[in-house]
Every structure is written in C-alpha cells, then in structure tokens.
Amino acid sequence: MTRRIFRTLAIICLVVLISDCASTGNNPAQMIVGSWQSELGGFPLRIEYTKDTVKIGDYNAVSYQIDEGKLILAQEGSQPRMISFPSADEMIQTDSLTGTEHKFIRVK
C-alpha cells in the first residue's frame, strides 16, 4: 500500500514538473522582454524590449512582432531575424538574408 502511494505521488510530481516546463518554456515573446547588451562595430549597444516595442540606445522605440520564431521590426527596410535563446540570459538573432548571427546578453 505504501509503495503504491509513493509511486502515485512520484507520478503526480513528474507530471506537474513537465507541465510547468511546457507552460513556461521557450516562448520568445516572453523571453525577449527586458534589457539586452551587445556590440556593433566595436561599440557597446543597449536594447530595451517591452512586449511590443524595442528601443535601441537613445533612438525612438519601434514596434515589433514575433511570428514563428522570427523577429519582425515595423521599420521600413528591416530584415526579419530568427531569434533563439540558448539560455534565459542569452539571445541570438540571425539575419534571415545573410545568415549573420548577433549575440545579446541580458542586463540584470
């Protein structure tokens, strides 16, 4: 009887852990929000993402959307970028035209 209860509790804990991971998993729209730091041409670059805008340095904020893992800025001439998150504090944006990767580190 004790063995059966222990096994049932273990299965319940496993199901809860798996469902929690699935619900908070790699959702780019949630993971992108915050401050990020990178470098462009040897100069430091700070980027602020809200849930629907991005602000680069002192420039005005621009709206964006994420569609199927692609970051699309609402700015004329902007190329979509594939985004990935190797960790919660690291983001890689890959230019869809050139394949060039750009790494960002979360600012805490």
N, C-alpha and C. Protein backbone atom coordinates (compact mmCIF):
# COMPACT_ATOMS: atom_id res chain seq x y z
N MET A 1 0.83 -1.19 0.00
CA MET A 1 0.00 0.00 0.00
C MET A 1 0.88 1.26 0.00
N THR A 2 1.90 1.30 0.86
CA THR A 2 2.80 2.45 0.93
C THR A 2 3.54 2.63 -0.38
N ARG A 3 3.92 1.53 -0.97
CA ARG A 3 4.62 1.58 -2.25
C ARG A 3 3.74 2.20 -3.34
N ARG A 4 2.47 1.83 -3.34
CA ARG A 4 1.52 2.34 -4.33
C ARG A 4 1.33 3.85 -4.14
N ILE A 5 1.21 4.32 -2.91
CA ILE A 5 1.05 5.75 -2.62
C ILE A 5 2.29 6.51 -3.07
N PHE A 6 3.48 5.97 -2.75
CA PHE A 6 4.73 6.62 -3.15
C PHE A 6 4.81 6.71 -4.68
N ARG A 7 4.48 5.64 -5.36
CA ARG A 7 4.52 5.64 -6.83
C ARG A 7 3.53 6.66 -7.40
N THR A 8 2.35 6.74 -6.85
CA THR A 8 1.35 7.70 -7.31
C THR A 8 1.83 9.13 -7.10
N LEU A 9 2.41 9.41 -5.93
CA LEU A 9 2.94 10.75 -5.65
C LEU A 9 4.10 11.09 -6.59
N ALA A 10 4.95 10.13 -6.87
CA ALA A 10 6.07 10.36 -7.78
C ALA A 10 5.56 10.69 -9.18
N ILE A 11 4.56 9.99 -9.64
CA ILE A 11 3.98 10.26 -10.97
C ILE A 11 3.34 11.64 -11.00
N ILE A 12 2.63 12.01 -9.95
CA ILE A 12 1.99 13.33 -9.89
C ILE A 12 3.05 14.43 -9.93
N CYS A 13 4.13 14.26 -9.15
CA CYS A 13 5.20 15.26 -9.15
C CYS A 13 5.84 15.39 -10.53
N LEU A 14 6.06 14.28 -11.20
CA LEU A 14 6.65 14.29 -12.53
C LEU A 14 5.74 15.01 -13.53
N VAL A 15 4.46 14.74 -13.47
CA VAL A 15 3.50 15.40 -14.37
C VAL A 15 3.48 16.91 -14.12
N VAL A 16 3.49 17.31 -12.85
CA VAL A 16 3.49 18.74 -12.52
C VAL A 16 4.75 19.41 -13.05
N LEU A 17 5.90 18.79 -12.86
CA LEU A 17 7.15 19.35 -13.36
C LEU A 17 7.15 19.50 -14.87
N ILE A 18 6.71 18.48 -15.56
CA ILE A 18 6.68 18.53 -17.03
C ILE A 18 5.71 19.59 -17.52
N SER A 19 4.54 19.69 -16.93
CA SER A 19 3.57 20.69 -17.38
C SER A 19 4.05 22.10 -17.07
N ASP A 20 4.76 22.29 -15.95
CA ASP A 20 5.30 23.60 -15.62
C ASP A 20 6.36 24.01 -16.64
N CYS A 21 7.22 23.08 -17.02
CA CYS A 21 8.25 23.38 -18.03
C CYS A 21 7.61 23.72 -19.37
N ALA A 22 6.57 23.02 -19.73
CA ALA A 22 5.91 23.28 -21.01
C ALA A 22 5.24 24.63 -21.02
N SER A 23 4.66 25.05 -19.90
CA SER A 23 3.94 26.32 -19.87
C SER A 23 4.87 27.53 -19.81
N THR A 24 6.07 27.37 -19.26
CA THR A 24 7.00 28.49 -19.16
C THR A 24 8.19 28.31 -20.09
N GLY A 25 8.10 27.36 -20.99
CA GLY A 25 9.21 27.02 -21.88
C GLY A 25 9.66 28.17 -22.76
N ASN A 26 10.34 27.87 -23.81
CA ASN A 26 10.97 28.86 -24.68
C ASN A 26 9.95 29.65 -25.50
N ASN A 27 9.24 30.52 -24.87
CA ASN A 27 8.30 31.40 -25.57
C ASN A 27 9.05 32.70 -25.88
N PRO A 28 9.48 32.89 -27.13
CA PRO A 28 10.28 34.07 -27.47
C PRO A 28 9.61 35.40 -27.09
N ALA A 29 8.29 35.48 -27.21
CA ALA A 29 7.59 36.73 -26.90
C ALA A 29 7.74 37.10 -25.42
N GLN A 30 7.87 36.12 -24.55
CA GLN A 30 8.07 36.39 -23.13
C GLN A 30 9.55 36.55 -22.80
N MET A 31 10.38 35.74 -23.43
CA MET A 31 11.81 35.74 -23.10
C MET A 31 12.53 37.00 -23.58
N ILE A 32 12.03 37.64 -24.63
CA ILE A 32 12.73 38.79 -25.21
C ILE A 32 12.57 40.06 -24.36
N VAL A 33 11.52 40.14 -23.57
CA VAL A 33 11.24 41.35 -22.80
C VAL A 33 12.35 41.59 -21.78
N GLY A 34 12.86 42.84 -21.78
CA GLY A 34 13.91 43.22 -20.84
C GLY A 34 15.02 44.00 -21.53
N SER A 35 16.10 44.19 -20.80
CA SER A 35 17.25 44.93 -21.31
C SER A 35 18.32 43.95 -21.78
N TRP A 36 18.92 44.27 -22.92
CA TRP A 36 19.95 43.43 -23.51
C TRP A 36 21.14 44.29 -23.90
N GLN A 37 22.30 43.69 -23.88
CA GLN A 37 23.52 44.39 -24.25
C GLN A 37 24.23 43.59 -25.33
N SER A 38 24.79 44.34 -26.30
CA SER A 38 25.55 43.72 -27.36
C SER A 38 26.62 44.70 -27.82
N GLU A 39 27.16 44.44 -28.97
CA GLU A 39 28.20 45.28 -29.53
C GLU A 39 27.99 45.34 -31.04
N LEU A 40 28.20 46.52 -31.60
CA LEU A 40 28.06 46.69 -33.04
C LEU A 40 29.23 47.52 -33.52
N GLY A 41 30.07 46.94 -34.36
CA GLY A 41 31.24 47.65 -34.86
C GLY A 41 32.21 48.05 -33.75
N GLY A 42 32.25 47.27 -32.69
CA GLY A 42 33.16 47.57 -31.58
C GLY A 42 32.58 48.52 -30.54
N PHE A 43 31.37 49.02 -30.77
CA PHE A 43 30.73 49.94 -29.83
C PHE A 43 29.66 49.22 -29.03
N PRO A 44 29.57 49.49 -27.72
CA PRO A 44 28.52 48.86 -26.91
C PRO A 44 27.14 49.34 -27.34
N LEU A 45 26.20 48.43 -27.26
CA LEU A 45 24.84 48.71 -27.70
C LEU A 45 23.88 48.18 -26.64
N ARG A 46 22.94 49.01 -26.23
CA ARG A 46 21.94 48.58 -25.24
C ARG A 46 20.56 48.64 -25.88
N ILE A 47 19.81 47.55 -25.72
CA ILE A 47 18.50 47.41 -26.34
C ILE A 47 17.48 47.09 -25.26
N GLU A 48 16.33 47.77 -25.33
CA GLU A 48 15.23 47.55 -24.37
C GLU A 48 14.02 47.02 -25.13
N TYR A 49 13.57 45.81 -24.79
CA TYR A 49 12.36 45.25 -25.37
C TYR A 49 11.24 45.31 -24.35
N THR A 50 10.09 45.82 -24.77
CA THR A 50 8.86 45.67 -24.00
C THR A 50 8.08 44.57 -24.71
N LYS A 51 6.83 44.37 -24.34
CA LYS A 51 6.07 43.30 -25.00
C LYS A 51 5.76 43.62 -26.46
N ASP A 52 5.86 44.89 -26.87
CA ASP A 52 5.54 45.20 -28.28
C ASP A 52 6.42 46.27 -28.92
N THR A 53 7.42 46.80 -28.20
CA THR A 53 8.33 47.78 -28.79
C THR A 53 9.78 47.45 -28.43
N VAL A 54 10.68 47.99 -29.25
CA VAL A 54 12.11 47.86 -28.98
C VAL A 54 12.74 49.24 -29.10
N LYS A 55 13.61 49.55 -28.17
CA LYS A 55 14.31 50.83 -28.17
C LYS A 55 15.80 50.55 -28.17
N ILE A 56 16.49 51.07 -29.18
CA ILE A 56 17.92 50.88 -29.30
C ILE A 56 18.62 52.17 -28.91
N GLY A 57 19.40 52.10 -27.82
CA GLY A 57 20.11 53.29 -27.34
C GLY A 57 19.16 54.43 -27.06
N ASP A 58 19.48 55.62 -27.60
CA ASP A 58 18.66 56.81 -27.38
C ASP A 58 17.63 57.04 -28.50
N TYR A 59 17.54 56.13 -29.44
CA TYR A 59 16.59 56.28 -30.54
C TYR A 59 15.17 55.99 -30.08
N ASN A 60 14.20 56.48 -30.84
CA ASN A 60 12.79 56.25 -30.52
C ASN A 60 12.45 54.76 -30.61
N ALA A 61 11.51 54.35 -29.80
CA ALA A 61 11.06 52.96 -29.80
C ALA A 61 10.34 52.64 -31.11
N VAL A 62 10.51 51.41 -31.56
CA VAL A 62 9.87 50.91 -32.77
C VAL A 62 9.08 49.67 -32.39
N SER A 63 7.89 49.52 -32.96
CA SER A 63 7.11 48.32 -32.65
C SER A 63 7.69 47.11 -33.40
N TYR A 64 7.41 45.94 -32.85
CA TYR A 64 7.87 44.70 -33.45
C TYR A 64 6.84 43.62 -33.18
N GLN A 65 7.00 42.52 -33.88
CA GLN A 65 6.20 41.33 -33.59
C GLN A 65 7.09 40.10 -33.75
N ILE A 66 6.68 39.03 -33.12
CA ILE A 66 7.39 37.77 -33.26
C ILE A 66 6.42 36.79 -33.88
N ASP A 67 6.82 36.23 -35.01
CA ASP A 67 5.98 35.30 -35.74
C ASP A 67 6.80 34.07 -36.11
N GLU A 68 6.43 32.93 -35.54
CA GLU A 68 7.10 31.66 -35.80
C GLU A 68 8.61 31.76 -35.60
N GLY A 69 9.02 32.37 -34.49
CA GLY A 69 10.43 32.47 -34.17
C GLY A 69 11.19 33.54 -34.92
N LYS A 70 10.47 34.37 -35.67
CA LYS A 70 11.10 35.48 -36.40
C LYS A 70 10.73 36.80 -35.75
N LEU A 71 11.75 37.62 -35.53
CA LEU A 71 11.57 38.97 -35.01
C LEU A 71 11.40 39.89 -36.22
N ILE A 72 10.27 40.58 -36.28
CA ILE A 72 9.96 41.45 -37.41
C ILE A 72 9.73 42.86 -36.89
N LEU A 73 10.64 43.78 -37.24
CA LEU A 73 10.50 45.18 -36.83
C LEU A 73 9.57 45.90 -37.78
N ALA A 74 8.78 46.82 -37.23
CA ALA A 74 7.87 47.63 -38.04
C ALA A 74 8.62 48.86 -38.54
N GLN A 75 9.70 48.61 -39.24
CA GLN A 75 10.53 49.68 -39.76
C GLN A 75 10.87 49.33 -41.21
N GLU A 76 10.67 50.28 -42.08
CA GLU A 76 10.90 50.04 -43.50
C GLU A 76 12.35 49.62 -43.75
N GLY A 77 12.53 48.60 -44.56
CA GLY A 77 13.86 48.12 -44.92
C GLY A 77 14.47 47.15 -43.93
N SER A 78 13.78 46.88 -42.86
CA SER A 78 14.29 45.96 -41.84
C SER A 78 14.08 44.51 -42.28
N GLN A 79 15.10 43.68 -42.11
CA GLN A 79 15.01 42.26 -42.44
C GLN A 79 14.58 41.47 -41.21
N PRO A 80 13.71 40.48 -41.40
CA PRO A 80 13.34 39.61 -40.26
C PRO A 80 14.57 38.89 -39.73
N ARG A 81 14.55 38.60 -38.45
CA ARG A 81 15.66 37.88 -37.81
C ARG A 81 15.09 36.68 -37.07
N MET A 82 15.74 35.56 -37.23
CA MET A 82 15.38 34.39 -36.43
C MET A 82 15.97 34.61 -35.04
N ILE A 83 15.18 34.32 -34.01
CA ILE A 83 15.69 34.50 -32.65
C ILE A 83 15.70 33.16 -31.92
N SER A 84 16.73 32.99 -31.12
CA SER A 84 16.82 31.79 -30.28
C SER A 84 17.41 32.20 -28.94
N PHE A 85 17.13 31.39 -27.96
CA PHE A 85 17.58 31.65 -26.59
C PHE A 85 18.31 30.42 -26.06
N PRO A 86 19.65 30.37 -26.23
CA PRO A 86 20.41 29.25 -25.67
C PRO A 86 20.26 29.15 -24.15
N SER A 87 20.02 30.30 -23.51
CA SER A 87 19.74 30.33 -22.07
C SER A 87 18.84 31.53 -21.81
N ALA A 88 18.36 31.68 -20.59
CA ALA A 88 17.47 32.79 -20.26
C ALA A 88 18.16 34.14 -20.38
N ASP A 89 19.49 34.16 -20.30
CA ASP A 89 20.24 35.41 -20.33
C ASP A 89 21.05 35.59 -21.61
N GLU A 90 20.79 34.77 -22.62
CA GLU A 90 21.50 34.88 -23.88
C GLU A 90 20.51 34.76 -25.04
N MET A 91 20.62 35.69 -25.99
CA MET A 91 19.74 35.67 -27.15
C MET A 91 20.62 35.76 -28.40
N ILE A 92 20.28 34.97 -29.40
CA ILE A 92 20.96 35.02 -30.69
C ILE A 92 19.94 35.45 -31.73
N GLN A 93 20.27 36.48 -32.48
CA GLN A 93 19.44 36.92 -33.61
C GLN A 93 20.21 36.62 -34.89
N THR A 94 19.58 35.91 -35.80
CA THR A 94 20.22 35.55 -37.06
C THR A 94 19.50 36.26 -38.20
N ASP A 95 20.25 37.05 -38.95
CA ASP A 95 19.69 37.77 -40.10
C ASP A 95 19.22 36.75 -41.13
N SER A 96 17.96 36.83 -41.53
CA SER A 96 17.40 35.83 -42.45
C SER A 96 17.95 35.96 -43.86
N LEU A 97 18.50 37.11 -44.21
CA LEU A 97 19.05 37.31 -45.54
C LEU A 97 20.50 36.86 -45.64
N THR A 98 21.32 37.24 -44.66
CA THR A 98 22.77 36.95 -44.73
C THR A 98 23.20 35.75 -43.88
N GLY A 99 22.37 35.35 -42.92
CA GLY A 99 22.74 34.27 -42.02
C GLY A 99 23.69 34.69 -40.91
N THR A 100 23.94 35.99 -40.80
CA THR A 100 24.84 36.52 -39.78
C THR A 100 24.18 36.46 -38.41
N GLU A 101 24.92 35.94 -37.43
CA GLU A 101 24.42 35.85 -36.06
C GLU A 101 24.90 37.04 -35.23
N HIS A 102 24.02 37.52 -34.34
CA HIS A 102 24.34 38.60 -33.44
C HIS A 102 23.94 38.15 -32.04
N LYS A 103 24.88 38.17 -31.10
CA LYS A 103 24.65 37.69 -29.75
C LYS A 103 24.33 38.84 -28.79
N PHE A 104 23.34 38.61 -27.93
CA PHE A 104 22.92 39.57 -26.92
C PHE A 104 22.97 38.92 -25.56
N ILE A 105 23.37 39.69 -24.54
CA ILE A 105 23.40 39.22 -23.15
C ILE A 105 22.42 40.08 -22.35
N ARG A 106 21.60 39.41 -21.54
CA ARG A 106 20.61 40.13 -20.72
C ARG A 106 21.30 40.98 -19.67
N VAL A 107 20.82 42.20 -19.50
CA VAL A 107 21.32 43.10 -18.46
C VAL A 107 20.41 42.94 -17.26
N LYS A 108 21.03 42.66 -16.12
CA LYS A 108 20.22 42.44 -14.91
C LYS A 108 20.27 43.64 -14.01
